[in-house]
N, C-alpha and C. Protein backbone atom coordinates (compact mmCIF):
# COMPACT_ATOMS: atom_id res chain seq x y z
N MET A 1 -75.62 -62.63 124.99
CA MET A 1 -74.57 -62.79 125.95
C MET A 1 -73.56 -61.62 125.76
N THR A 2 -73.15 -61.03 126.88
CA THR A 2 -72.21 -59.94 126.90
C THR A 2 -70.80 -60.48 127.08
N VAL A 3 -69.88 -59.96 126.28
CA VAL A 3 -68.48 -60.31 126.37
C VAL A 3 -67.69 -59.17 126.94
N VAL A 4 -66.86 -59.39 127.88
CA VAL A 4 -66.09 -58.32 128.56
C VAL A 4 -64.62 -58.57 128.21
N LYS A 5 -63.92 -57.48 127.78
CA LYS A 5 -62.51 -57.57 127.51
C LYS A 5 -61.78 -56.99 128.71
N ILE A 6 -60.81 -57.78 129.25
CA ILE A 6 -60.04 -57.39 130.40
C ILE A 6 -58.57 -57.29 129.97
N THR A 7 -57.99 -56.11 130.16
CA THR A 7 -56.55 -55.92 129.80
C THR A 7 -55.78 -55.68 131.13
N VAL A 8 -54.70 -56.43 131.28
CA VAL A 8 -53.83 -56.25 132.43
C VAL A 8 -52.99 -54.99 132.25
N LEU A 9 -53.15 -54.02 133.09
CA LEU A 9 -52.40 -52.79 132.98
C LEU A 9 -51.04 -52.87 133.67
N GLU A 10 -51.00 -53.51 134.79
CA GLU A 10 -49.77 -53.68 135.51
C GLU A 10 -49.92 -54.83 136.56
N THR A 11 -48.82 -55.33 136.99
CA THR A 11 -48.88 -56.30 138.12
C THR A 11 -48.06 -55.67 139.28
N SER A 12 -48.51 -55.95 140.44
CA SER A 12 -47.81 -55.38 141.66
C SER A 12 -47.93 -56.34 142.78
N LEU A 13 -47.16 -56.09 143.80
CA LEU A 13 -47.20 -56.87 145.01
C LEU A 13 -46.96 -55.92 146.21
N ASP A 14 -47.90 -55.91 147.13
CA ASP A 14 -47.76 -55.14 148.34
C ASP A 14 -46.88 -55.97 149.32
N LYS A 15 -45.64 -55.55 149.43
CA LYS A 15 -44.68 -56.33 150.22
C LYS A 15 -45.06 -56.45 151.71
N GLU A 16 -45.67 -55.35 152.23
CA GLU A 16 -46.07 -55.38 153.65
C GLU A 16 -47.19 -56.39 153.90
N LEU A 17 -48.20 -56.36 152.97
CA LEU A 17 -49.28 -57.36 153.13
C LEU A 17 -48.80 -58.79 152.89
N ALA A 18 -47.91 -58.95 151.88
CA ALA A 18 -47.37 -60.27 151.63
C ALA A 18 -46.60 -60.84 152.84
N ALA A 19 -45.85 -59.94 153.47
CA ALA A 19 -45.05 -60.37 154.66
C ALA A 19 -45.96 -60.74 155.80
N GLU A 20 -47.11 -60.04 155.91
CA GLU A 20 -47.98 -60.29 157.04
C GLU A 20 -48.92 -61.51 156.81
N TYR A 21 -49.44 -61.63 155.60
CA TYR A 21 -50.45 -62.69 155.30
C TYR A 21 -50.03 -63.75 154.34
N GLY A 22 -48.94 -63.55 153.62
CA GLY A 22 -48.50 -64.51 152.61
C GLY A 22 -47.57 -65.54 153.14
N ILE A 23 -46.94 -66.20 152.18
CA ILE A 23 -45.96 -67.24 152.49
C ILE A 23 -44.62 -66.79 152.02
N ASP A 24 -43.54 -67.39 152.55
CA ASP A 24 -42.18 -66.99 152.13
C ASP A 24 -42.03 -67.19 150.65
N GLY A 25 -41.36 -66.19 150.02
CA GLY A 25 -41.13 -66.30 148.54
C GLY A 25 -42.31 -65.87 147.68
N LEU A 26 -43.34 -65.30 148.28
CA LEU A 26 -44.47 -64.82 147.48
C LEU A 26 -44.07 -63.67 146.56
N THR A 27 -44.52 -63.77 145.29
CA THR A 27 -44.20 -62.71 144.32
C THR A 27 -45.46 -62.33 143.58
N ALA A 28 -45.35 -61.29 142.74
CA ALA A 28 -46.49 -60.95 141.87
C ALA A 28 -46.90 -62.15 141.01
N CYS A 29 -48.12 -62.22 140.57
CA CYS A 29 -48.59 -63.36 139.78
C CYS A 29 -47.73 -63.53 138.55
N PRO A 30 -47.08 -64.66 138.39
CA PRO A 30 -46.24 -64.91 137.22
C PRO A 30 -47.01 -65.23 135.98
N MET A 31 -48.30 -65.43 136.07
CA MET A 31 -49.05 -65.83 134.87
C MET A 31 -49.63 -64.67 134.12
N MET A 32 -49.67 -63.50 134.73
CA MET A 32 -50.18 -62.29 134.10
C MET A 32 -49.12 -61.26 133.86
N LYS A 33 -49.03 -60.77 132.67
CA LYS A 33 -48.04 -59.76 132.29
C LYS A 33 -48.80 -58.48 131.77
N ALA A 34 -48.23 -57.34 131.97
CA ALA A 34 -48.84 -56.12 131.49
C ALA A 34 -49.06 -56.22 129.97
N GLY A 35 -50.27 -55.88 129.53
CA GLY A 35 -50.62 -55.97 128.15
C GLY A 35 -51.42 -57.19 127.77
N ASP A 36 -51.46 -58.23 128.64
CA ASP A 36 -52.27 -59.42 128.37
C ASP A 36 -53.70 -59.03 128.28
N VAL A 37 -54.40 -59.73 127.38
CA VAL A 37 -55.85 -59.45 127.18
C VAL A 37 -56.59 -60.75 127.40
N PHE A 38 -57.67 -60.64 128.16
CA PHE A 38 -58.55 -61.78 128.46
C PHE A 38 -60.01 -61.41 128.10
N TYR A 39 -60.80 -62.36 127.73
CA TYR A 39 -62.22 -62.18 127.40
C TYR A 39 -63.05 -63.08 128.33
N ALA A 40 -64.12 -62.49 128.91
CA ALA A 40 -64.99 -63.23 129.80
C ALA A 40 -66.42 -62.99 129.38
N ASP A 41 -67.29 -63.92 129.68
CA ASP A 41 -68.72 -63.73 129.41
C ASP A 41 -69.50 -63.93 130.68
């Protein structure tokens, strides 16, 4: 089994896309912060 390490480099939000397709009050993902590390298989 292969394990993959995923590191969050930055979080961002495209305000134009959020305004067009999102909901009011939409922000960047609050669960992921720069530097977080996740492992997946």
